[in-house]
Amino acid sequence: MADRMRADDHLISRDDCALIIIDVQEKLIPVISGKEGVVQNVIRLARFAGIAGIPVVVTEQEKLGPTLPEVKKELAAFKPVPKTHFNCFACKEFRDEMSMINRHTLILTGVEAHICVLQTALHGVENYNVHVVGDAASSRAPENRKVAMDRMMQRGATITSTEMFIYEILRKAGTDEFRATLPLVK
């Protein structure tokens, strides 16, 4: 049937997505629940974005210090978007960056899940396919993270995981790209 969607139509396309790393900063990360796992998954996603050729946009909330050095070093070009608003879309520089890269699927990571990630996701679902990487996003309190994930999902965001995203982009084993990615998922 011509009206039926192919299975691939439900998968994220590498040519149409951008990884958004929200406020993974030195003064904020120490108080985040599950910070070690969140940071490790953000690093894995940043490395994978480099392997797969996916653009990355990094934001920094004013007065929370720089992005963690271990995240910065994974990004070929690092020019963070400074912001004072919680919703990244309220920042002109972020909107300009999104227009420039011209992608329609956002892969959101970062902190805090119930503030900046949530507000960005809720705004974004109006014009983008929004996927929130649940194991690469957190808050100070686990309860706030859970409520945020539930609310984002109810409003149309897809909650995914680091490995789901990676394998969804890879699509198959046996390629050079798959071999380059294996250390990230072992």
N, C-alpha and C. Protein backbone atom coordinates (compact mmCIF):
# COMPACT_ATOMS: atom_id res chain seq x y z
N MET A 1 0.83 -1.19 0.00
CA MET A 1 0.00 0.00 0.00
C MET A 1 0.87 1.25 0.00
N ALA A 2 0.55 2.19 -0.83
CA ALA A 2 1.33 3.43 -0.93
C ALA A 2 1.23 4.26 0.34
N ASP A 3 0.10 4.18 1.05
CA ASP A 3 -0.09 4.98 2.25
C ASP A 3 0.66 4.44 3.47
N ARG A 4 1.08 3.21 3.40
CA ARG A 4 1.78 2.61 4.55
C ARG A 4 3.19 3.15 4.68
N MET A 5 3.56 3.45 5.90
CA MET A 5 4.91 3.94 6.15
C MET A 5 5.86 2.75 6.20
N ARG A 6 7.02 2.92 5.66
CA ARG A 6 8.05 1.90 5.79
C ARG A 6 8.58 1.92 7.21
N ALA A 7 9.16 0.82 7.67
CA ALA A 7 9.70 0.75 9.03
C ALA A 7 10.76 1.83 9.25
N ASP A 8 11.58 2.09 8.24
CA ASP A 8 12.63 3.10 8.38
C ASP A 8 12.07 4.50 8.60
N ASP A 9 10.83 4.74 8.21
CA ASP A 9 10.23 6.07 8.41
C ASP A 9 10.07 6.40 9.89
N HIS A 10 10.12 5.40 10.74
CA HIS A 10 9.98 5.62 12.18
C HIS A 10 11.33 5.77 12.88
N LEU A 11 12.41 5.58 12.14
CA LEU A 11 13.75 5.67 12.72
C LEU A 11 14.33 7.06 12.48
N ILE A 12 15.20 7.47 13.38
CA ILE A 12 15.88 8.75 13.24
C ILE A 12 16.83 8.68 12.05
N SER A 13 16.85 9.73 11.26
CA SER A 13 17.76 9.82 10.12
C SER A 13 18.98 10.65 10.51
N ARG A 14 20.15 10.13 10.26
CA ARG A 14 21.38 10.87 10.57
C ARG A 14 21.46 12.18 9.79
N ASP A 15 20.85 12.21 8.63
CA ASP A 15 20.90 13.41 7.79
C ASP A 15 19.93 14.50 8.24
N ASP A 16 19.09 14.16 9.23
CA ASP A 16 18.09 15.13 9.66
C ASP A 16 18.11 15.40 11.16
N CYS A 17 19.15 14.91 11.86
CA CYS A 17 19.17 15.12 13.32
C CYS A 17 20.38 15.93 13.75
N ALA A 18 20.23 16.51 14.94
CA ALA A 18 21.32 17.26 15.57
C ALA A 18 21.33 16.89 17.05
N LEU A 19 22.51 16.70 17.59
CA LEU A 19 22.68 16.43 19.02
C LEU A 19 22.77 17.77 19.74
N ILE A 20 21.92 17.95 20.75
CA ILE A 20 21.91 19.19 21.53
C ILE A 20 22.35 18.83 22.95
N ILE A 21 23.47 19.40 23.39
CA ILE A 21 24.01 19.17 24.73
C ILE A 21 23.73 20.43 25.54
N ILE A 22 22.80 20.28 26.50
CA ILE A 22 22.32 21.44 27.25
C ILE A 22 22.99 21.53 28.63
N ASP A 23 23.79 22.56 28.81
CA ASP A 23 24.29 23.00 30.12
C ASP A 23 25.04 21.94 30.93
N VAL A 24 25.90 21.18 30.30
CA VAL A 24 26.73 20.19 31.00
C VAL A 24 27.97 20.95 31.48
N GLN A 25 27.77 21.70 32.57
CA GLN A 25 28.74 22.69 33.02
C GLN A 25 29.33 22.38 34.39
N GLU A 26 30.53 22.91 34.61
CA GLU A 26 31.32 22.60 35.81
C GLU A 26 30.62 22.89 37.13
N LYS A 27 29.85 23.97 37.22
CA LYS A 27 29.23 24.31 38.50
C LYS A 27 27.92 23.58 38.74
N LEU A 28 27.34 23.00 37.70
CA LEU A 28 26.04 22.35 37.83
C LEU A 28 26.16 20.83 37.96
N ILE A 29 27.03 20.22 37.23
CA ILE A 29 27.13 18.76 37.20
C ILE A 29 27.37 18.15 38.58
N PRO A 30 28.19 18.72 39.46
CA PRO A 30 28.43 18.07 40.75
C PRO A 30 27.17 17.79 41.59
N VAL A 31 26.09 18.52 41.37
CA VAL A 31 24.88 18.32 42.18
C VAL A 31 23.81 17.49 41.45
N ILE A 32 24.12 16.98 40.29
CA ILE A 32 23.14 16.25 39.48
C ILE A 32 23.08 14.78 39.88
N SER A 33 21.87 14.28 40.03
CA SER A 33 21.65 12.87 40.35
C SER A 33 22.16 11.99 39.21
N GLY A 34 22.96 10.98 39.56
CA GLY A 34 23.49 10.07 38.54
C GLY A 34 24.46 10.73 37.59
N LYS A 35 25.16 11.74 38.09
CA LYS A 35 26.02 12.56 37.21
C LYS A 35 27.06 11.76 36.44
N GLU A 36 27.64 10.74 37.05
CA GLU A 36 28.68 9.97 36.35
C GLU A 36 28.13 9.33 35.08
N GLY A 37 26.97 8.69 35.20
CA GLY A 37 26.36 8.05 34.04
C GLY A 37 25.93 9.06 32.99
N VAL A 38 25.37 10.17 33.43
CA VAL A 38 24.93 11.21 32.50
C VAL A 38 26.12 11.73 31.71
N VAL A 39 27.19 12.08 32.41
CA VAL A 39 28.38 12.62 31.74
C VAL A 39 28.96 11.59 30.78
N GLN A 40 29.07 10.33 31.22
CA GLN A 40 29.62 9.29 30.34
C GLN A 40 28.78 9.13 29.09
N ASN A 41 27.46 9.19 29.23
CA ASN A 41 26.60 9.04 28.05
C ASN A 41 26.66 10.26 27.14
N VAL A 42 26.78 11.44 27.70
CA VAL A 42 26.95 12.63 26.87
C VAL A 42 28.26 12.52 26.09
N ILE A 43 29.32 12.06 26.74
CA ILE A 43 30.61 11.87 26.05
C ILE A 43 30.47 10.83 24.94
N ARG A 44 29.80 9.72 25.23
CA ARG A 44 29.60 8.68 24.20
C ARG A 44 28.83 9.25 23.01
N LEU A 45 27.81 10.03 23.29
CA LEU A 45 27.02 10.62 22.20
C LEU A 45 27.84 11.64 21.40
N ALA A 46 28.65 12.43 22.08
CA ALA A 46 29.50 13.39 21.38
C ALA A 46 30.51 12.67 20.48
N ARG A 47 31.11 11.61 20.99
CA ARG A 47 32.05 10.82 20.17
C ARG A 47 31.33 10.22 18.97
N PHE A 48 30.17 9.65 19.24
CA PHE A 48 29.41 9.03 18.15
C PHE A 48 29.01 10.06 17.10
N ALA A 49 28.61 11.24 17.53
CA ALA A 49 28.24 12.30 16.58
C ALA A 49 29.42 12.59 15.64
N GLY A 50 30.63 12.57 16.19
CA GLY A 50 31.82 12.77 15.35
C GLY A 50 31.99 11.65 14.34
N ILE A 51 31.78 10.42 14.77
CA ILE A 51 31.90 9.26 13.88
C ILE A 51 30.84 9.31 12.78
N ALA A 52 29.61 9.65 13.16
CA ALA A 52 28.48 9.59 12.24
C ALA A 52 28.25 10.89 11.46
N GLY A 53 29.01 11.93 11.77
CA GLY A 53 28.85 13.20 11.05
C GLY A 53 27.58 13.95 11.42
N ILE A 54 27.18 13.84 12.68
CA ILE A 54 25.97 14.51 13.16
C ILE A 54 26.38 15.84 13.81
N PRO A 55 25.75 16.94 13.43
CA PRO A 55 26.10 18.22 14.05
C PRO A 55 25.74 18.25 15.53
N VAL A 56 26.53 19.00 16.29
CA VAL A 56 26.33 19.12 17.74
C VAL A 56 26.22 20.59 18.10
N VAL A 57 25.23 20.91 18.92
CA VAL A 57 25.07 22.26 19.45
C VAL A 57 25.17 22.14 20.97
N VAL A 58 26.03 22.95 21.57
CA VAL A 58 26.24 22.95 23.02
C VAL A 58 25.78 24.28 23.57
N THR A 59 25.00 24.23 24.66
CA THR A 59 24.60 25.48 25.31
C THR A 59 25.27 25.59 26.68
N GLU A 60 25.43 26.82 27.12
CA GLU A 60 25.96 27.10 28.45
C GLU A 60 25.10 28.16 29.12
N GLN A 61 24.52 27.78 30.24
CA GLN A 61 23.74 28.73 31.04
C GLN A 61 24.69 29.70 31.72
N GLU A 62 24.38 30.98 31.65
CA GLU A 62 25.22 32.00 32.25
C GLU A 62 25.45 31.72 33.73
N LYS A 63 26.69 31.95 34.18
CA LYS A 63 27.12 31.86 35.57
C LYS A 63 27.24 30.44 36.13
N LEU A 64 27.23 29.44 35.26
CA LEU A 64 27.40 28.07 35.73
C LEU A 64 28.74 27.48 35.31
N GLY A 65 29.63 28.33 34.84
CA GLY A 65 30.96 27.88 34.45
C GLY A 65 30.96 27.28 33.06
N PRO A 66 32.14 26.87 32.61
CA PRO A 66 32.27 26.30 31.27
C PRO A 66 31.74 24.87 31.19
N THR A 67 31.53 24.43 29.97
CA THR A 67 31.19 23.03 29.71
C THR A 67 32.34 22.16 30.24
N LEU A 68 32.00 20.98 30.74
CA LEU A 68 33.02 20.08 31.27
C LEU A 68 34.12 19.84 30.23
N PRO A 69 35.38 19.88 30.65
CA PRO A 69 36.49 19.69 29.70
C PRO A 69 36.42 18.35 28.98
N GLU A 70 35.97 17.30 29.66
CA GLU A 70 35.90 15.98 29.04
C GLU A 70 34.84 15.91 27.94
N VAL A 71 33.85 16.77 27.99
CA VAL A 71 32.87 16.85 26.91
C VAL A 71 33.44 17.69 25.77
N LYS A 72 34.03 18.84 26.11
CA LYS A 72 34.62 19.74 25.10
C LYS A 72 35.62 19.01 24.21
N LYS A 73 36.46 18.19 24.83
CA LYS A 73 37.53 17.56 24.06
C LYS A 73 37.01 16.56 23.02
N GLU A 74 35.75 16.15 23.15
CA GLU A 74 35.16 15.20 22.20
C GLU A 74 34.59 15.89 20.97
N LEU A 75 34.54 17.20 20.99
CA LEU A 75 33.89 17.93 19.91
C LEU A 75 34.94 18.61 19.04
N ALA A 76 34.88 18.34 17.75
CA ALA A 76 35.86 18.89 16.81
C ALA A 76 35.86 20.42 16.85
N ALA A 77 34.70 20.99 16.76
CA ALA A 77 34.56 22.45 16.83
C ALA A 77 33.71 22.75 18.05
N PHE A 78 34.26 23.52 18.96
CA PHE A 78 33.52 23.82 20.19
C PHE A 78 33.29 25.31 20.30
N LYS A 79 32.05 25.69 20.08
CA LYS A 79 31.67 27.09 20.25
C LYS A 79 30.30 27.08 20.92
N PRO A 80 30.27 27.11 22.25
CA PRO A 80 29.00 26.99 22.94
C PRO A 80 28.10 28.21 22.72
N VAL A 81 26.81 27.96 22.79
CA VAL A 81 25.82 29.02 22.69
C VAL A 81 25.52 29.48 24.11
N PRO A 82 25.88 30.72 24.45
CA PRO A 82 25.59 31.23 25.80
C PRO A 82 24.10 31.58 25.91
N LYS A 83 23.55 31.38 27.12
CA LYS A 83 22.13 31.69 27.29
C LYS A 83 21.82 32.09 28.72
N THR A 84 20.74 32.84 28.87
CA THR A 84 20.21 33.16 30.19
C THR A 84 18.82 32.55 30.35
N HIS A 85 18.11 32.33 29.25
CA HIS A 85 16.80 31.69 29.29
C HIS A 85 16.96 30.19 29.55
N PHE A 86 15.97 29.61 30.16
CA PHE A 86 15.98 28.16 30.36
C PHE A 86 15.66 27.44 29.05
N ASN A 87 14.69 27.94 28.31
CA ASN A 87 14.32 27.38 27.01
C ASN A 87 15.37 27.83 25.99
N CYS A 88 16.09 26.88 25.41
CA CYS A 88 17.13 27.24 24.44
C CYS A 88 16.57 28.06 23.28
N PHE A 89 15.33 27.80 22.88
CA PHE A 89 14.73 28.51 21.75
C PHE A 89 14.46 29.98 22.05
N ALA A 90 14.49 30.37 23.31
CA ALA A 90 14.32 31.79 23.66
C ALA A 90 15.60 32.57 23.39
N CYS A 91 16.66 31.88 23.05
CA CYS A 91 17.97 32.48 22.78
C CYS A 91 18.16 32.62 21.26
N LYS A 92 18.35 33.84 20.80
CA LYS A 92 18.52 34.10 19.36
C LYS A 92 19.68 33.31 18.77
N GLU A 93 20.80 33.22 19.48
CA GLU A 93 21.96 32.49 18.97
C GLU A 93 21.64 31.02 18.74
N PHE A 94 20.83 30.43 19.63
CA PHE A 94 20.44 29.04 19.47
C PHE A 94 19.52 28.89 18.24
N ARG A 95 18.55 29.77 18.11
CA ARG A 95 17.66 29.71 16.95
C ARG A 95 18.45 29.89 15.65
N ASP A 96 19.41 30.80 15.65
CA ASP A 96 20.25 31.01 14.47
C ASP A 96 21.05 29.75 14.14
N GLU A 97 21.60 29.13 15.16
CA GLU A 97 22.37 27.90 14.96
C GLU A 97 21.48 26.80 14.39
N MET A 98 20.27 26.67 14.92
CA MET A 98 19.35 25.65 14.41
C MET A 98 18.97 25.93 12.96
N SER A 99 18.77 27.18 12.62
CA SER A 99 18.47 27.53 11.23
C SER A 99 19.63 27.19 10.31
N MET A 100 20.83 27.47 10.78
CA MET A 100 22.03 27.23 9.97
C MET A 100 22.23 25.73 9.70
N ILE A 101 22.06 24.88 10.71
CA ILE A 101 22.30 23.46 10.49
C ILE A 101 21.11 22.77 9.81
N ASN A 102 19.93 23.40 9.87
CA ASN A 102 18.76 22.94 9.12
C ASN A 102 18.45 21.45 9.32
N ARG A 103 18.28 21.07 10.56
CA ARG A 103 17.87 19.70 10.90
C ARG A 103 16.50 19.77 11.55
N HIS A 104 15.71 18.70 11.41
CA HIS A 104 14.34 18.70 11.91
C HIS A 104 14.11 17.74 13.07
N THR A 105 15.17 17.04 13.47
CA THR A 105 15.07 16.13 14.62
C THR A 105 16.12 16.53 15.63
N LEU A 106 15.68 16.81 16.86
CA LEU A 106 16.57 17.21 17.94
C LEU A 106 16.79 16.03 18.87
N ILE A 107 18.05 15.78 19.19
CA ILE A 107 18.42 14.75 20.15
C ILE A 107 18.90 15.51 21.39
N LEU A 108 18.04 15.61 22.40
CA LEU A 108 18.33 16.44 23.57
C LEU A 108 19.00 15.65 24.68
N THR A 109 20.06 16.24 25.24
CA THR A 109 20.76 15.68 26.40
C THR A 109 21.03 16.84 27.35
N GLY A 110 21.42 16.51 28.58
CA GLY A 110 21.91 17.56 29.47
C GLY A 110 21.12 17.71 30.75
N VAL A 111 21.29 18.89 31.34
CA VAL A 111 20.72 19.18 32.66
C VAL A 111 20.14 20.60 32.67
N GLU A 112 19.27 20.89 33.51
CA GLU A 112 18.49 19.96 34.29
C GLU A 112 17.29 19.51 33.49
N ALA A 113 16.97 18.24 33.63
CA ALA A 113 15.89 17.64 32.83
C ALA A 113 14.57 18.37 33.02
N HIS A 114 14.28 18.80 34.23
CA HIS A 114 12.97 19.41 34.51
C HIS A 114 12.94 20.91 34.27
N ILE A 115 14.07 21.48 33.86
CA ILE A 115 14.10 22.92 33.62
C ILE A 115 14.48 23.17 32.15
N CYS A 116 15.76 23.23 31.85
CA CYS A 116 16.20 23.61 30.51
C CYS A 116 15.88 22.56 29.45
N VAL A 117 16.08 21.28 29.77
CA VAL A 117 15.76 20.24 28.79
C VAL A 117 14.26 20.23 28.55
N LEU A 118 13.46 20.25 29.61
CA LEU A 118 12.01 20.24 29.49
C LEU A 118 11.50 21.43 28.69
N GLN A 119 11.91 22.63 29.04
CA GLN A 119 11.38 23.82 28.35
C GLN A 119 11.78 23.83 26.88
N THR A 120 12.99 23.38 26.59
CA THR A 120 13.44 23.29 25.20
C THR A 120 12.63 22.24 24.44
N ALA A 121 12.41 21.10 25.07
CA ALA A 121 11.63 20.03 24.43
C ALA A 121 10.19 20.47 24.18
N LEU A 122 9.56 21.08 25.18
CA LEU A 122 8.16 21.49 25.02
C LEU A 122 8.01 22.53 23.92
N HIS A 123 8.97 23.43 23.81
CA HIS A 123 8.94 24.41 22.72
C HIS A 123 9.25 23.71 21.40
N GLY A 124 10.22 22.83 21.42
CA GLY A 124 10.68 22.18 20.20
C GLY A 124 9.66 21.28 19.53
N VAL A 125 8.79 20.62 20.30
CA VAL A 125 7.84 19.67 19.69
C VAL A 125 6.87 20.35 18.73
N GLU A 126 6.77 21.65 18.80
CA GLU A 126 5.89 22.36 17.88
C GLU A 126 6.43 22.35 16.44
N ASN A 127 7.76 22.31 16.29
CA ASN A 127 8.37 22.41 14.96
C ASN A 127 9.40 21.34 14.64
N TYR A 128 9.72 20.49 15.61
CA TYR A 128 10.77 19.48 15.43
C TYR A 128 10.28 18.13 15.94
N ASN A 129 10.95 17.08 15.48
CA ASN A 129 10.84 15.77 16.12
C ASN A 129 11.82 15.82 17.28
N VAL A 130 11.35 15.65 18.48
CA VAL A 130 12.20 15.78 19.66
C VAL A 130 12.39 14.42 20.31
N HIS A 131 13.65 14.04 20.47
CA HIS A 131 14.02 12.82 21.18
C HIS A 131 14.89 13.23 22.36
N VAL A 132 14.50 12.81 23.55
CA VAL A 132 15.26 13.09 24.76
C VAL A 132 15.98 11.82 25.16
N VAL A 133 17.30 11.90 25.29
CA VAL A 133 18.09 10.73 25.67
C VAL A 133 18.03 10.61 27.19
N GLY A 134 17.17 9.72 27.65
CA GLY A 134 16.86 9.61 29.07
C GLY A 134 18.05 9.31 29.97
N ASP A 135 19.00 8.52 29.47
CA ASP A 135 20.17 8.20 30.29
C ASP A 135 21.30 9.21 30.12
N ALA A 136 21.03 10.29 29.40
CA ALA A 136 22.00 11.38 29.22
C ALA A 136 21.38 12.71 29.61
N ALA A 137 20.36 12.64 30.47
CA ALA A 137 19.68 13.84 30.97
C ALA A 137 19.24 13.59 32.40
N SER A 138 19.47 14.55 33.28
CA SER A 138 19.08 14.36 34.67
C SER A 138 18.84 15.70 35.35
N SER A 139 18.48 15.60 36.63
CA SER A 139 18.21 16.77 37.47
C SER A 139 18.89 16.54 38.82
N ARG A 140 18.84 17.55 39.68
CA ARG A 140 19.36 17.38 41.03
C ARG A 140 18.59 16.30 41.77
N ALA A 141 17.27 16.33 41.65
CA ALA A 141 16.42 15.35 42.34
C ALA A 141 15.87 14.35 41.32
N PRO A 142 16.01 13.05 41.59
CA PRO A 142 15.49 12.03 40.67
C PRO A 142 13.99 12.19 40.40
N GLU A 143 13.25 12.65 41.39
CA GLU A 143 11.81 12.83 41.19
C GLU A 143 11.52 13.87 40.11
N ASN A 144 12.29 14.95 40.10
CA ASN A 144 12.10 15.97 39.07
C ASN A 144 12.43 15.44 37.69
N ARG A 145 13.47 14.60 37.59
CA ARG A 145 13.83 13.99 36.32
C ARG A 145 12.68 13.12 35.81
N LYS A 146 12.12 12.30 36.69
CA LYS A 146 11.04 11.40 36.29
C LYS A 146 9.82 12.18 35.81
N VAL A 147 9.41 13.18 36.57
CA VAL A 147 8.26 13.99 36.17
C VAL A 147 8.53 14.67 34.83
N ALA A 148 9.73 15.16 34.64
CA ALA A 148 10.08 15.82 33.38
C ALA A 148 9.99 14.84 32.20
N MET A 149 10.53 13.64 32.37
CA MET A 149 10.48 12.64 31.27
C MET A 149 9.03 12.31 30.93
N ASP A 150 8.20 12.12 31.96
CA ASP A 150 6.79 11.82 31.74
C ASP A 150 6.10 12.97 31.00
N ARG A 151 6.34 14.18 31.46
CA ARG A 151 5.69 15.35 30.84
C ARG A 151 6.14 15.54 29.40
N MET A 152 7.44 15.39 29.13
CA MET A 152 7.93 15.55 27.76
C MET A 152 7.31 14.50 26.85
N MET A 153 7.21 13.26 27.34
CA MET A 153 6.62 12.19 26.54
C MET A 153 5.14 12.47 26.27
N GLN A 154 4.43 12.94 27.29
CA GLN A 154 3.00 13.26 27.11
C GLN A 154 2.78 14.36 26.07
N ARG A 155 3.74 15.26 25.95
CA ARG A 155 3.62 16.38 25.00
C ARG A 155 4.18 16.05 23.61
N GLY A 156 4.64 14.81 23.41
CA GLY A 156 5.05 14.40 22.06
C GLY A 156 6.52 14.14 21.85
N ALA A 157 7.34 14.30 22.88
CA ALA A 157 8.76 13.96 22.74
C ALA A 157 8.92 12.46 22.89
N THR A 158 9.89 11.91 22.20
CA THR A 158 10.23 10.49 22.33
C THR A 158 11.36 10.38 23.34
N ILE A 159 11.21 9.48 24.29
CA ILE A 159 12.29 9.22 25.26
C ILE A 159 13.05 8.02 24.73
N THR A 160 14.35 8.18 24.61
CA THR A 160 15.21 7.12 24.06
C THR A 160 16.38 6.91 25.00
N SER A 161 17.35 6.11 24.59
CA SER A 161 18.56 5.90 25.38
C SER A 161 19.77 6.09 24.46
N THR A 162 20.92 6.20 25.08
CA THR A 162 22.16 6.38 24.32
C THR A 162 22.34 5.26 23.30
N GLU A 163 22.25 4.02 23.74
CA GLU A 163 22.46 2.91 22.82
C GLU A 163 21.37 2.80 21.77
N MET A 164 20.12 3.06 22.14
CA MET A 164 19.05 3.02 21.13
C MET A 164 19.34 4.01 20.02
N PHE A 165 19.73 5.23 20.40
CA PHE A 165 20.04 6.25 19.40
C PHE A 165 21.20 5.81 18.52
N ILE A 166 22.28 5.35 19.13
CA ILE A 166 23.46 4.94 18.36
C ILE A 166 23.11 3.85 17.35
N TYR A 167 22.44 2.79 17.80
CA TYR A 167 22.12 1.68 16.89
C TYR A 167 21.07 2.07 15.86
N GLU A 168 20.19 2.99 16.20
CA GLU A 168 19.19 3.47 15.24
C GLU A 168 19.87 4.20 14.09
N ILE A 169 20.89 4.96 14.39
CA ILE A 169 21.63 5.66 13.34
C ILE A 169 22.49 4.68 12.53
N LEU A 170 23.14 3.74 13.21
CA LEU A 170 24.02 2.79 12.51
C LEU A 170 23.26 1.91 11.53
N ARG A 171 22.11 1.43 11.91
CA ARG A 171 21.23 0.58 11.11
C ARG A 171 21.75 -0.84 10.87
N LYS A 172 23.09 -1.04 10.76
CA LYS A 172 23.59 -2.40 10.50
C LYS A 172 25.02 -2.56 11.03
N ALA A 173 25.39 -3.81 11.22
CA ALA A 173 26.74 -4.16 11.67
C ALA A 173 27.65 -4.37 10.46
N GLY A 174 28.94 -4.57 10.74
CA GLY A 174 29.87 -4.94 9.69
C GLY A 174 30.48 -3.80 8.91
N THR A 175 30.13 -2.57 9.21
CA THR A 175 30.69 -1.43 8.49
C THR A 175 31.87 -0.85 9.27
N ASP A 176 32.66 -0.02 8.60
CA ASP A 176 33.76 0.67 9.29
C ASP A 176 33.22 1.55 10.40
N GLU A 177 32.10 2.20 10.13
CA GLU A 177 31.48 3.07 11.13
C GLU A 177 31.03 2.24 12.35
N PHE A 178 30.46 1.08 12.12
CA PHE A 178 30.06 0.20 13.22
C PHE A 178 31.28 -0.20 14.04
N ARG A 179 32.37 -0.58 13.37
CA ARG A 179 33.59 -0.98 14.09
C ARG A 179 34.16 0.19 14.90
N ALA A 180 34.10 1.39 14.34
CA ALA A 180 34.59 2.58 15.06
C ALA A 180 33.72 2.86 16.28
N THR A 181 32.47 2.48 16.24
CA THR A 181 31.51 2.75 17.32
C THR A 181 31.57 1.69 18.41
N LEU A 182 32.00 0.49 18.10
CA LEU A 182 31.99 -0.60 19.09
C LEU A 182 32.59 -0.25 20.45
N PRO A 183 33.72 0.45 20.52
CA PRO A 183 34.25 0.80 21.85
C PRO A 183 33.30 1.66 22.70
N LEU A 184 32.39 2.35 22.06
CA LEU A 184 31.44 3.19 22.79
C LEU A 184 30.32 2.39 23.44
N VAL A 185 30.05 1.21 22.90
CA VAL A 185 28.91 0.44 23.38
C VAL A 185 29.31 -0.86 24.10
N LYS A 186 30.59 -1.09 24.23
CA LYS A 186 31.05 -2.30 24.94
C LYS A 186 31.16 -2.05 26.40
